[in-house]
Amino acid sequence: MSTLSALLAQYTDLPGSAVDHLQRVVGEWQLLADLSFADVLLWVAAESGGGEPGGIVCVAQCRPTTASTVLPEDSVGTLVSEDEHPYVLRAFETGKIVVADVDPTDTVPLRRQAVPVRWDGNVIAVLSRDAARVSRRSTALETAYLECADALYRMICEGTFPTPESRSDTKSSPRAGDGFIRLDREGRVVYASPNALSAYHRMGLSSDLIGQDLVATTRALVTDPFESRDVSDYLSGAVEGRIGQRMEIEARGATVLLRALVLAPGGSLEGAAVVIRDVTEVKRRDRALLSKDATIREIHHRVKNNLQTVAALLR
């Protein structure tokens, strides 16, 4: 399968800074797909040999882990005409988020949306967001996820997310399903998923998180004064609009990974979202492996010394 960089080089003449931004978008979009319960595809305008528009091409695709895919076919590398995805074309032309009309031919009713990806003031690509329509009332978790996703998509359209500073190690960063917390403008918890609450209980919290000041609550759980201050600065910064990397904290024998996302669509701070992952068992296994590795090295050292002693005696 062709890589994103190879497809962009084949079909576009985007500058390096724009390609880097698309790489950052793809680095974040598993979180976007999970929060929106949607398949997410990245489209770019393909140029024909004469430099004229030659349709649109899918250069990357992501499926959610929080819902079933609605696009089982692999679309990466597929070049389609502008008539096949008119809402994507409208997003390119208008630079605004476009909601597609319901297609009566769909076997499963879908919600389709096209989100322009803006960089340096220009639309360089479009994200399509395809999810199954549900007739039932959304749960509190679904509502919290979707509201956060909508804010992040709006920021992508405005060119304010993701930033070079917000890039993290996507292979080990927490996912939405690991634990999700939504904070208001004052840093108080308005929603906490069951997994997030379990992670805090493991760190020693004995109450609910809803309505709590997350900065003060987390700081009280961390016994190390330096780490407590770092956690406080990190979470406070997210609420105030400062971007930071993920953070690992330890409390009461538990270890968790935190990542805070600033939510500021339209330039107006709407609080923050925190994804959290309990990595206590992972850390325990890592420490056990390190202990075994040290034991093996010690045995190897002793055997080597004994062999040298035997060799000296034989001589």
C-alpha atoms as a PDB file:
ATOM      1  CA  MET A   1       0.000   0.000   0.000  1.00  0.00           C
ATOM      2  CA  SER A   2       1.305   3.466  -0.868  1.00  0.00           C
ATOM      3  CA  THR A   3       2.204   5.732   2.004  1.00  0.00           C
ATOM      4  CA  LEU A   4       0.581   9.089   2.610  1.00  0.00           C
ATOM      5  CA  SER A   5       3.747  10.924   1.579  1.00  0.00           C
ATOM      6  CA  ALA A   6       4.019   8.917  -1.642  1.00  0.00           C
ATOM      7  CA  LEU A   7       0.390   9.568  -2.606  1.00  0.00           C
ATOM      8  CA  LEU A   8       0.693  13.278  -1.859  1.00  0.00           C
ATOM      9  CA  ALA A   9       3.827  13.465  -3.998  1.00  0.00           C
ATOM     10  CA  GLN A  10       2.098  11.547  -6.795  1.00  0.00           C
ATOM     11  CA  TYR A  11      -1.124  13.549  -6.959  1.00  0.00           C
ATOM     12  CA  THR A  12      -0.310  17.006  -5.552  1.00  0.00           C
ATOM     13  CA  ASP A  13       2.399  19.633  -5.445  1.00  0.00           C
ATOM     14  CA  LEU A  14       1.815  20.630  -1.816  1.00  0.00           C
ATOM     15  CA  PRO A  15       4.800  22.237  -0.070  1.00  0.00           C
ATOM     16  CA  GLY A  16       6.608  20.426   2.716  1.00  0.00           C
ATOM     17  CA  SER A  17       4.937  22.422   5.500  1.00  0.00           C
ATOM     18  CA  ALA A  18       1.478  21.459   4.202  1.00  0.00           C
ATOM     19  CA  VAL A  19       2.484  17.791   3.957  1.00  0.00           C
ATOM     20  CA  ASP A  20       3.776  17.942   7.535  1.00  0.00           C
ATOM     21  CA  HIS A  21       0.426  19.334   8.664  1.00  0.00           C
ATOM     22  CA  LEU A  22      -1.464  16.513   6.943  1.00  0.00           C
ATOM     23  CA  GLN A  23       0.864  14.033   8.657  1.00  0.00           C
ATOM     24  CA  ARG A  24      -0.076  15.609  11.987  1.00  0.00           C
ATOM     25  CA  VAL A  25      -3.781  15.373  11.136  1.00  0.00           C
ATOM     26  CA  VAL A  26      -3.399  11.677  10.328  1.00  0.00           C
ATOM     27  CA  GLY A  27      -1.456  11.235  13.555  1.00  0.00           C
ATOM     28  CA  GLU A  28      -4.450  12.561  15.509  1.00  0.00           C
ATOM     29  CA  TRP A  29      -7.332  11.113  13.582  1.00  0.00           C
ATOM     30  CA  GLN A  30      -7.756   7.811  15.392  1.00  0.00           C
ATOM     31  CA  LEU A  31      -8.937   9.957  18.280  1.00  0.00           C
ATOM     32  CA  LEU A  32     -11.190  11.908  15.895  1.00  0.00           C
ATOM     33  CA  ALA A  33     -12.667   8.713  14.430  1.00  0.00           C
ATOM     34  CA  ASP A  34     -13.311   7.251  17.882  1.00  0.00           C
ATOM     35  CA  LEU A  35     -14.910  10.417  19.255  1.00  0.00           C
ATOM     36  CA  SER A  36     -17.185  10.780  16.222  1.00  0.00           C
ATOM     37  CA  PHE A  37     -17.953   7.038  15.842  1.00  0.00           C
ATOM     38  CA  ALA A  38     -17.122   7.560  12.186  1.00  0.00           C
ATOM     39  CA  ASP A  39     -14.944   6.393   9.337  1.00  0.00           C
ATOM     40  CA  VAL A  40     -12.626   9.247   8.408  1.00  0.00           C
ATOM     41  CA  LEU A  41     -11.053   9.626   4.959  1.00  0.00           C
ATOM     42  CA  LEU A  42      -8.515  12.204   3.830  1.00  0.00           C
ATOM     43  CA  TRP A  43      -9.113  13.612   0.345  1.00  0.00           C
ATOM     44  CA  VAL A  44      -6.883  15.850  -1.761  1.00  0.00           C
ATOM     45  CA  ALA A  45      -7.500  17.485  -5.115  1.00  0.00           C
ATOM     46  CA  ALA A  46      -5.592  15.570  -7.776  1.00  0.00           C
ATOM     47  CA  GLU A  47      -3.982  17.465 -10.600  1.00  0.00           C
ATOM     48  CA  SER A  48      -4.029  16.271 -14.188  1.00  0.00           C
ATOM     49  CA  GLY A  49      -0.958  16.364 -16.384  1.00  0.00           C
ATOM     50  CA  GLY A  50      -1.638  19.945 -17.421  1.00  0.00           C
ATOM     51  CA  GLY A  51      -1.955  21.164 -13.857  1.00  0.00           C
ATOM     52  CA  GLU A  52      -5.750  21.284 -14.049  1.00  0.00           C
ATOM     53  CA  PRO A  53      -7.967  19.601 -11.423  1.00  0.00           C
ATOM     54  CA  GLY A  54      -8.310  15.904 -12.136  1.00  0.00           C
ATOM     55  CA  GLY A  55     -10.814  14.784  -9.517  1.00  0.00           C
ATOM     56  CA  ILE A  56     -10.205  13.933  -5.883  1.00  0.00           C
ATOM     57  CA  VAL A  57      -8.178  11.094  -4.435  1.00  0.00           C
ATOM     58  CA  CYS A  58      -8.320   9.391  -1.043  1.00  0.00           C
ATOM     59  CA  VAL A  59      -4.811   9.367   0.438  1.00  0.00           C
ATOM     60  CA  ALA A  60      -5.559   7.908   3.889  1.00  0.00           C
ATOM     61  CA  GLN A  61      -8.370   6.168   5.748  1.00  0.00           C
ATOM     62  CA  CYS A  62      -9.158   5.538   9.407  1.00  0.00           C
ATOM     63  CA  ARG A  63     -11.829   3.347  11.013  1.00  0.00           C
ATOM     64  CA  PRO A  64     -13.240   3.850  14.508  1.00  0.00           C
ATOM     65  CA  THR A  65     -12.631   1.473  17.396  1.00  0.00           C
ATOM     66  CA  THR A  66     -15.769   2.715  19.163  1.00  0.00           C
ATOM     67  CA  ALA A  67     -18.242   1.699  16.434  1.00  0.00           C
ATOM     68  CA  SER A  68     -18.602  -0.612  13.467  1.00  0.00           C
ATOM     69  CA  THR A  69     -17.182   0.647  10.210  1.00  0.00           C
ATOM     70  CA  VAL A  70     -19.651   1.824   7.589  1.00  0.00           C
ATOM     71  CA  LEU A  71     -17.005   1.741   4.831  1.00  0.00           C
ATOM     72  CA  PRO A  72     -15.586  -1.796   4.750  1.00  0.00           C
ATOM     73  CA  GLU A  73     -13.801  -1.248   1.431  1.00  0.00           C
ATOM     74  CA  ASP A  74     -10.296   0.206   1.386  1.00  0.00           C
ATOM     75  CA  SER A  75     -10.469   3.529  -0.449  1.00  0.00           C
ATOM     76  CA  VAL A  76      -6.816   4.588  -0.169  1.00  0.00           C
ATOM     77  CA  GLY A  77      -5.447   5.476  -3.593  1.00  0.00           C
ATOM     78  CA  THR A  78      -8.917   5.648  -5.146  1.00  0.00           C
ATOM     79  CA  LEU A  79      -9.303   8.477  -7.645  1.00  0.00           C
ATOM     80  CA  VAL A  80     -12.918   9.549  -8.109  1.00  0.00           C
ATOM     81  CA  SER A  81     -14.671  12.239 -10.089  1.00  0.00           C
ATOM     82  CA  GLU A  82     -16.009  15.309  -8.357  1.00  0.00           C
ATOM     83  CA  ASP A  83     -19.570  14.190  -9.117  1.00  0.00           C
ATOM     84  CA  GLU A  84     -19.223  11.095  -6.914  1.00  0.00           C
ATOM     85  CA  HIS A  85     -18.585  13.088  -3.731  1.00  0.00           C
ATOM     86  CA  PRO A  86     -20.155  16.519  -4.307  1.00  0.00           C
ATOM     87  CA  TYR A  87     -20.146  17.443  -0.614  1.00  0.00           C
ATOM     88  CA  VAL A  88     -16.352  16.952  -0.510  1.00  0.00           C
ATOM     89  CA  LEU A  89     -16.006  19.228  -3.526  1.00  0.00           C
ATOM     90  CA  ARG A  90     -18.227  21.864  -1.861  1.00  0.00           C
ATOM     91  CA  ALA A  91     -15.975  21.792   1.193  1.00  0.00           C
ATOM     92  CA  PHE A  92     -12.952  22.393  -1.052  1.00  0.00           C
ATOM     93  CA  GLU A  93     -14.680  25.290  -2.812  1.00  0.00           C
ATOM     94  CA  THR A  94     -16.330  27.017   0.154  1.00  0.00           C
ATOM     95  CA  GLY A  95     -13.768  26.290   2.866  1.00  0.00           C
ATOM     96  CA  LYS A  96     -16.652  25.462   5.205  1.00  0.00           C
ATOM     97  CA  ILE A  97     -17.888  22.278   6.852  1.00  0.00           C
ATOM     98  CA  VAL A  98     -20.528  20.691   4.605  1.00  0.00           C
ATOM     99  CA  VAL A  99     -23.206  18.237   5.713  1.00  0.00           C
ATOM    100  CA  ALA A 100     -24.252  15.915   2.893  1.00  0.00           C
ATOM    101  CA  ASP A 101     -27.847  15.197   1.984  1.00  0.00           C
ATOM    102  CA  VAL A 102     -29.226  11.814   2.963  1.00  0.00           C
ATOM    103  CA  ASP A 103     -28.699   9.303   0.163  1.00  0.00           C
ATOM    104  CA  PRO A 104     -31.861   7.160  -0.199  1.00  0.00           C
ATOM    105  CA  THR A 105     -29.839   4.421  -1.910  1.00  0.00           C
ATOM    106  CA  ASP A 106     -27.725   3.751   1.191  1.00  0.00           C
ATOM    107  CA  THR A 107     -28.530   0.356   2.702  1.00  0.00           C
ATOM    108  CA  VAL A 108     -27.562   1.845   6.071  1.00  0.00           C
ATOM    109  CA  PRO A 109     -28.587   5.488   6.635  1.00  0.00           C
ATOM    110  CA  LEU A 110     -25.402   7.523   7.005  1.00  0.00           C
ATOM    111  CA  ARG A 111     -24.407  10.899   8.383  1.00  0.00           C
ATOM    112  CA  ARG A 112     -21.866  12.343   5.966  1.00  0.00           C
ATOM    113  CA  GLN A 113     -19.820  15.442   6.586  1.00  0.00           C
ATOM    114  CA  ALA A 114     -16.867  17.064   4.837  1.00  0.00           C
ATOM    115  CA  VAL A 115     -14.397  19.116   6.874  1.00  0.00           C
ATOM    116  CA  PRO A 116     -11.830  21.346   5.126  1.00  0.00           C
ATOM    117  CA  VAL A 117      -8.265  21.000   6.388  1.00  0.00           C
ATOM    118  CA  ARG A 118      -6.803  24.479   6.493  1.00  0.00           C
ATOM    119  CA  TRP A 119      -3.107  25.296   6.697  1.00  0.00           C
ATOM    120  CA  ASP A 120      -1.559  28.746   6.429  1.00  0.00           C
ATOM    121  CA  GLY A 121      -4.940  30.137   5.418  1.00  0.00           C
ATOM    122  CA  ASN A 122      -5.485  27.705   2.531  1.00  0.00           C
ATOM    123  CA  VAL A 123      -7.624  24.569   2.218  1.00  0.00           C
ATOM    124  CA  ILE A 124      -5.125  21.816   1.417  1.00  0.00           C
ATOM    125  CA  ALA A 125      -7.367  18.766   1.910  1.00  0.00           C
ATOM    126  CA  VAL A 126     -10.779  17.619   3.128  1.00  0.00           C
ATOM    127  CA  LEU A 127     -11.711  15.086   5.784  1.00  0.00           C
ATOM    128  CA  SER A 128     -14.889  13.118   5.122  1.00  0.00           C
ATOM    129  CA  ARG A 129     -16.689  11.827   8.189  1.00  0.00           C
ATOM    130  CA  ASP A 130     -19.113   8.933   7.644  1.00  0.00           C
ATOM    131  CA  ALA A 131     -21.138   7.441  10.492  1.00  0.00           C
ATOM    132  CA  ALA A 132     -24.306   5.414  10.829  1.00  0.00           C
ATOM    133  CA  ARG A 133     -27.441   7.346  11.700  1.00  0.00           C
ATOM    134  CA  VAL A 134     -29.120   6.232  14.921  1.00  0.00           C
ATOM    135  CA  SER A 135     -32.757   6.893  15.690  1.00  0.00           C
ATOM    136  CA  ARG A 136     -32.466   6.316  19.424  1.00  0.00           C
ATOM    137  CA  ARG A 137     -31.519   8.992  21.918  1.00  0.00           C
ATOM    138  CA  SER A 138     -27.768   9.401  22.401  1.00  0.00           C
ATOM    139  CA  THR A 139     -26.221   8.332  25.692  1.00  0.00           C
ATOM    140  CA  ALA A 140     -24.258  10.744  27.877  1.00  0.00           C
ATOM    141  CA  LEU A 141     -21.005   9.183  26.647  1.00  0.00           C
ATOM    142  CA  GLU A 142     -22.001   9.546  22.989  1.00  0.00           C
ATOM    143  CA  THR A 143     -23.045  13.161  23.508  1.00  0.00           C
ATOM    144  CA  ALA A 144     -19.765  14.023  25.250  1.00  0.00           C
ATOM    145  CA  TYR A 145     -17.729  12.295  22.540  1.00  0.00           C
ATOM    146  CA  LEU A 146     -19.584  13.982  19.675  1.00  0.00           C
ATOM    147  CA  GLU A 147     -19.424  17.461  21.211  1.00  0.00           C
ATOM    148  CA  CYS A 148     -15.664  17.105  21.633  1.00  0.00           C
ATOM    149  CA  ALA A 149     -15.294  15.743  18.089  1.00  0.00           C
ATOM    150  CA  ASP A 150     -17.308  18.637  16.648  1.00  0.00           C
ATOM    151  CA  ALA A 151     -15.052  21.139  18.417  1.00  0.00           C
ATOM    152  CA  LEU A 152     -11.886  19.467  17.113  1.00  0.00           C
ATOM    153  CA  TYR A 153     -13.243  19.263  13.548  1.00  0.00           C
ATOM    154  CA  ARG A 154     -14.081  22.968  13.657  1.00  0.00           C
ATOM    155  CA  MET A 155     -10.533  23.689  14.812  1.00  0.00           C
ATOM    156  CA  ILE A 156      -9.172  21.618  11.907  1.00  0.00           C
ATOM    157  CA  CYS A 157     -11.323  23.699   9.558  1.00  0.00           C
ATOM    158  CA  GLU A 158      -9.914  26.877  11.122  1.00  0.00           C
ATOM    159  CA  GLY A 159      -6.335  25.604  10.954  1.00  0.00           C
ATOM    160  CA  THR A 160      -5.776  25.659  14.729  1.00  0.00           C
ATOM    161  CA  PHE A 161      -5.589  21.886  15.266  1.00  0.00           C
ATOM    162  CA  PRO A 162      -3.369  20.014  15.304  1.00  0.00           C
ATOM    163  CA  THR A 163      -0.384  22.247  15.950  1.00  0.00           C
ATOM    164  CA  PRO A 164       3.280  21.235  15.722  1.00  0.00           C
ATOM    165  CA  GLU A 165       3.472  21.508  19.519  1.00  0.00           C
ATOM    166  CA  SER A 166       0.512  19.179  20.085  1.00  0.00           C
ATOM    167  CA  ARG A 167       1.992  16.237  18.207  1.00  0.00           C
ATOM    168  CA  SER A 168       2.408  13.211  20.495  1.00  0.00           C
ATOM    169  CA  ASP A 169       3.433   9.597  20.286  1.00  0.00           C
ATOM    170  CA  THR A 170       0.224   8.216  18.796  1.00  0.00           C
ATOM    171  CA  LYS A 171       1.293   4.604  19.342  1.00  0.00           C
ATOM    172  CA  SER A 172       1.203   4.928  23.124  1.00  0.00           C
ATOM    173  CA  SER A 173      -1.069   7.921  23.735  1.00  0.00           C
ATOM    174  CA  PRO A 174      -4.387   7.220  25.451  1.00  0.00           C
ATOM    175  CA  ARG A 175      -7.435   6.646  23.249  1.00  0.00           C
ATOM    176  CA  ALA A 176     -10.960   7.830  23.859  1.00  0.00           C
ATOM    177  CA  GLY A 177     -12.069   4.344  24.875  1.00  0.00           C
ATOM    178  CA  ASP A 178      -9.327   4.131  27.521  1.00  0.00           C
ATOM    179  CA  GLY A 179     -10.919   6.945  29.492  1.00  0.00           C
ATOM    180  CA  PHE A 180     -12.425  10.335  28.640  1.00  0.00           C
ATOM    181  CA  ILE A 181     -13.031  13.435  30.758  1.00  0.00           C
ATOM    182  CA  ARG A 182     -14.667  16.671  29.606  1.00  0.00           C
ATOM    183  CA  LEU A 183     -13.872  19.906  31.418  1.00  0.00           C
ATOM    184  CA  ASP A 184     -15.714  23.218  31.286  1.00  0.00           C
ATOM    185  CA  ARG A 185     -14.079  26.651  31.101  1.00  0.00           C
ATOM    186  CA  GLU A 186     -13.379  26.629  34.844  1.00  0.00           C
ATOM    187  CA  GLY A 187     -11.728  23.209  34.741  1.00  0.00           C
ATOM    188  CA  ARG A 188     -14.620  21.383  36.387  1.00  0.00           C
ATOM    189  CA  VAL A 189     -15.603  17.918  35.224  1.00  0.00           C
ATOM    190  CA  VAL A 190     -18.859  17.883  33.279  1.00  0.00           C
ATOM    191  CA  TYR A 191     -18.468  14.288  32.081  1.00  0.00           C
ATOM    192  CA  ALA A 192     -16.229  11.343  32.983  1.00  0.00           C
ATOM    193  CA  SER A 193     -16.445   7.962  31.271  1.00  0.00           C
ATOM    194  CA  PRO A 194     -16.558   4.802  33.409  1.00  0.00           C
ATOM    195  CA  ASN A 195     -12.976   3.906  32.463  1.00  0.00           C
ATOM    196  CA  ALA A 196     -11.728   7.357  33.445  1.00  0.00           C
ATOM    197  CA  LEU A 197     -13.517   7.117  36.782  1.00  0.00           C
ATOM    198  CA  SER A 198     -12.005   3.663  37.374  1.00  0.00           C
ATOM    199  CA  ALA A 199      -8.521   5.051  36.709  1.00  0.00           C
ATOM    200  CA  TYR A 200      -9.043   7.797  39.285  1.00  0.00           C
ATOM    201  CA  HIS A 201     -10.464   5.335  41.802  1.00  0.00           C
ATOM    202  CA  ARG A 202      -7.331   3.245  41.344  1.00  0.00           C
ATOM    203  CA  MET A 203      -5.272   6.330  42.181  1.00  0.00           C
ATOM    204  CA  GLY A 204      -7.185   6.673  45.442  1.00  0.00           C
ATOM    205  CA  LEU A 205     -10.220   8.818  44.641  1.00  0.00           C
ATOM    206  CA  SER A 206     -13.201   7.752  46.744  1.00  0.00           C
ATOM    207  CA  SER A 207     -15.853  10.058  45.264  1.00  0.00           C
ATOM    208  CA  ASP A 208     -17.353  10.857  41.875  1.00  0.00           C
ATOM    209  CA  LEU A 209     -15.560  13.176  39.444  1.00  0.00           C
ATOM    210  CA  ILE A 210     -18.595  15.085  38.167  1.00  0.00           C
ATOM    211  CA  GLY A 211     -18.493  18.690  39.349  1.00  0.00           C
ATOM    212  CA  GLN A 212     -14.977  18.372  40.749  1.00  0.00           C
ATOM    213  CA  ASP A 213     -12.097  20.697  39.922  1.00  0.00           C
ATOM    214  CA  LEU A 214      -9.882  18.199  38.092  1.00  0.00           C
ATOM    215  CA  VAL A 215      -6.681  20.135  38.789  1.00  0.00           C
ATOM    216  CA  ALA A 216      -7.247  20.197  42.554  1.00  0.00           C
ATOM    217  CA  THR A 217      -8.538  16.621  42.637  1.00  0.00           C
ATOM    218  CA  THR A 218      -5.573  15.206  40.732  1.00  0.00           C
ATOM    219  CA  ARG A 219      -3.050  17.282  42.674  1.00  0.00           C
ATOM    220  CA  ALA A 220      -4.415  15.930  45.956  1.00  0.00           C
ATOM    221  CA  LEU A 221      -3.958  12.329  44.788  1.00  0.00           C
ATOM    222  CA  VAL A 222      -0.285  12.715  43.813  1.00  0.00           C
ATOM    223  CA  THR A 223       1.961  12.484  46.872  1.00  0.00           C
ATOM    224  CA  ASP A 224       5.206  13.601  45.241  1.00  0.00           C
ATOM    225  CA  PRO A 225       5.257  17.428  45.575  1.00  0.00           C
ATOM    226  CA  PHE A 226       7.205  18.035  42.360  1.00  0.00           C
ATOM    227  CA  GLU A 227       5.009  15.725  40.283  1.00  0.00           C
ATOM    228  CA  SER A 228       1.919  17.208  41.907  1.00  0.00           C
ATOM    229  CA  ARG A 229       2.990  20.682  40.801  1.00  0.00           C
ATOM    230  CA  ASP A 230       3.743  19.450  37.267  1.00  0.00           C
ATOM    231  CA  VAL A 231       0.311  17.817  36.996  1.00  0.00           C
ATOM    232  CA  SER A 232      -1.366  20.971  38.259  1.00  0.00           C
ATOM    233  CA  ASP A 233       0.492  23.147  35.730  1.00  0.00           C
ATOM    234  CA  TYR A 234      -0.260  20.720  32.893  1.00  0.00           C
ATOM    235  CA  LEU A 235      -4.017  20.497  33.473  1.00  0.00           C
ATOM    236  CA  SER A 236      -4.361  24.197  34.298  1.00  0.00           C
ATOM    237  CA  GLY A 237      -2.524  25.037  31.096  1.00  0.00           C
ATOM    238  CA  ALA A 238      -4.957  22.995  29.009  1.00  0.00           C
ATOM    239  CA  VAL A 239      -7.950  24.777  30.530  1.00  0.00           C
ATOM    240  CA  GLU A 240      -6.254  28.123  29.879  1.00  0.00           C
ATOM    241  CA  GLY A 241      -5.454  27.227  26.270  1.00  0.00           C
ATOM    242  CA  ARG A 242      -1.816  26.161  26.550  1.00  0.00           C
ATOM    243  CA  ILE A 243      -0.828  23.068  24.573  1.00  0.00           C
ATOM    244  CA  GLY A 244       1.264  20.352  26.190  1.00  0.00           C
ATOM    245  CA  GLN A 245       2.463  16.811  25.601  1.00  0.00           C
ATOM    246  CA  ARG A 246       1.056  13.734  27.300  1.00  0.00           C
ATOM    247  CA  MET A 247       2.017  13.153  30.918  1.00  0.00           C
ATOM    248  CA  GLU A 248       2.518  10.099  33.111  1.00  0.00           C
ATOM    249  CA  ILE A 249       1.598  10.289  36.787  1.00  0.00           C
ATOM    250  CA  GLU A 250       1.806   7.873  39.696  1.00  0.00           C
ATOM    251  CA  ALA A 251      -0.418   7.762  42.767  1.00  0.00           C
ATOM    252  CA  ARG A 252      -1.059   5.049  45.361  1.00  0.00           C
ATOM    253  CA  GLY A 253       0.809   2.449  43.306  1.00  0.00           C
ATOM    254  CA  ALA A 254      -1.175   3.197  40.145  1.00  0.00           C
ATOM    255  CA  THR A 255       0.290   4.686  36.972  1.00  0.00           C
ATOM    256  CA  VAL A 256      -1.803   6.539  34.397  1.00  0.00           C
ATOM    257  CA  LEU A 257      -1.138   8.398  31.163  1.00  0.00           C
ATOM    258  CA  LEU A 258      -2.896  11.724  30.682  1.00  0.00           C
ATOM    259  CA  ARG A 259      -3.311  13.793  27.586  1.00  0.00           C
ATOM    260  CA  ALA A 260      -5.190  17.079  27.667  1.00  0.00           C
ATOM    261  CA  LEU A 261      -6.643  18.682  24.535  1.00  0.00           C
ATOM    262  CA  VAL A 262      -7.453  22.365  24.336  1.00  0.00           C
ATOM    263  CA  LEU A 263     -10.925  22.983  22.883  1.00  0.00           C
ATOM    264  CA  ALA A 264     -11.107  26.444  21.351  1.00  0.00           C
ATOM    265  CA  PRO A 265     -13.217  26.471  18.171  1.00  0.00           C
ATOM    266  CA  GLY A 266     -13.675  29.939  16.763  1.00  0.00           C
ATOM    267  CA  GLY A 267     -10.889  31.166  19.027  1.00  0.00           C
ATOM    268  CA  SER A 268     -13.154  30.886  22.081  1.00  0.00           C
ATOM    269  CA  LEU A 269     -12.055  28.581  24.885  1.00  0.00           C
ATOM    270  CA  GLU A 270     -14.678  25.938  25.631  1.00  0.00           C
ATOM    271  CA  GLY A 271     -12.664  24.040  28.222  1.00  0.00           C
ATOM    272  CA  ALA A 272     -10.624  20.928  27.584  1.00  0.00           C
ATOM    273  CA  ALA A 273     -10.856  17.207  26.999  1.00  0.00           C
ATOM    274  CA  VAL A 274      -8.650  14.720  28.822  1.00  0.00           C
ATOM    275  CA  VAL A 275      -7.991  11.188  27.633  1.00  0.00           C
ATOM    276  CA  ILE A 276      -6.574   8.897  30.282  1.00  0.00           C
ATOM    277  CA  ARG A 277      -5.183   5.378  30.240  1.00  0.00           C
ATOM    278  CA  ASP A 278      -4.423   3.129  33.211  1.00  0.00           C
ATOM    279  CA  VAL A 279      -0.977   1.637  32.492  1.00  0.00           C
ATOM    280  CA  THR A 280      -0.350   0.182  35.953  1.00  0.00           C
ATOM    281  CA  GLU A 281      -0.116  -3.415  34.743  1.00  0.00           C
ATOM    282  CA  VAL A 282       2.036  -2.427  31.773  1.00  0.00           C
ATOM    283  CA  LYS A 283       4.477  -0.681  34.097  1.00  0.00           C
ATOM    284  CA  ARG A 284       4.471  -3.649  36.477  1.00  0.00           C
ATOM    285  CA  ARG A 285       5.370  -6.010  33.632  1.00  0.00           C
ATOM    286  CA  ASP A 286       8.074  -3.616  32.443  1.00  0.00           C
ATOM    287  CA  ARG A 287       9.609  -3.558  35.907  1.00  0.00           C
ATOM    288  CA  ALA A 288       9.450  -7.364  36.086  1.00  0.00           C
ATOM    289  CA  LEU A 289      11.220  -7.634  32.731  1.00  0.00           C
ATOM    290  CA  LEU A 290      13.911  -5.212  33.860  1.00  0.00           C
ATOM    291  CA  SER A 291      14.413  -7.252  37.031  1.00  0.00           C
ATOM    292  CA  LYS A 292      14.706 -10.478  35.032  1.00  0.00           C
ATOM    293  CA  ASP A 293      17.100  -8.815  32.619  1.00  0.00           C
ATOM    294  CA  ALA A 294      19.317  -7.699  35.503  1.00  0.00           C
ATOM    295  CA  THR A 295      19.255 -11.231  36.946  1.00  0.00           C
ATOM    296  CA  ILE A 296      20.241 -12.753  33.599  1.00  0.00           C
ATOM    297  CA  ARG A 297      23.119 -10.294  33.247  1.00  0.00           C
ATOM    298  CA  GLU A 298      24.333 -11.153  36.752  1.00  0.00           C
ATOM    299  CA  ILE A 299      24.195 -14.894  36.011  1.00  0.00           C
ATOM    300  CA  HIS A 300      26.031 -14.342  32.731  1.00  0.00           C
ATOM    301  CA  HIS A 301      28.706 -12.334  34.551  1.00  0.00           C
ATOM    302  CA  ARG A 302      29.213 -15.031  37.187  1.00  0.00           C
ATOM    303  CA  VAL A 303      29.358 -17.847  34.639  1.00  0.00           C
ATOM    304  CA  LYS A 304      31.916 -15.877  32.637  1.00  0.00           C
ATOM    305  CA  ASN A 305      34.066 -15.385  35.757  1.00  0.00           C
ATOM    306  CA  ASN A 306      33.814 -19.078  36.665  1.00  0.00           C
ATOM    307  CA  LEU A 307      34.855 -20.127  33.168  1.00  0.00           C
ATOM    308  CA  GLN A 308      37.827 -17.798  33.324  1.00  0.00           C
ATOM    309  CA  THR A 309      38.834 -19.323  36.679  1.00  0.00           C
ATOM    310  CA  VAL A 310      38.566 -22.881  35.297  1.00  0.00           C
ATOM    311  CA  ALA A 311      40.598 -21.911  32.229  1.00  0.00           C
ATOM    312  CA  ALA A 312      43.317 -20.443  34.434  1.00  0.00           C
ATOM    313  CA  LEU A 313      43.493 -23.626  36.533  1.00  0.00           C
ATOM    314  CA  LEU A 314      43.732 -25.816  33.433  1.00  0.00           C
ATOM    315  CA  ARG A 315      46.648 -23.765  32.170  1.00  0.00           C
END
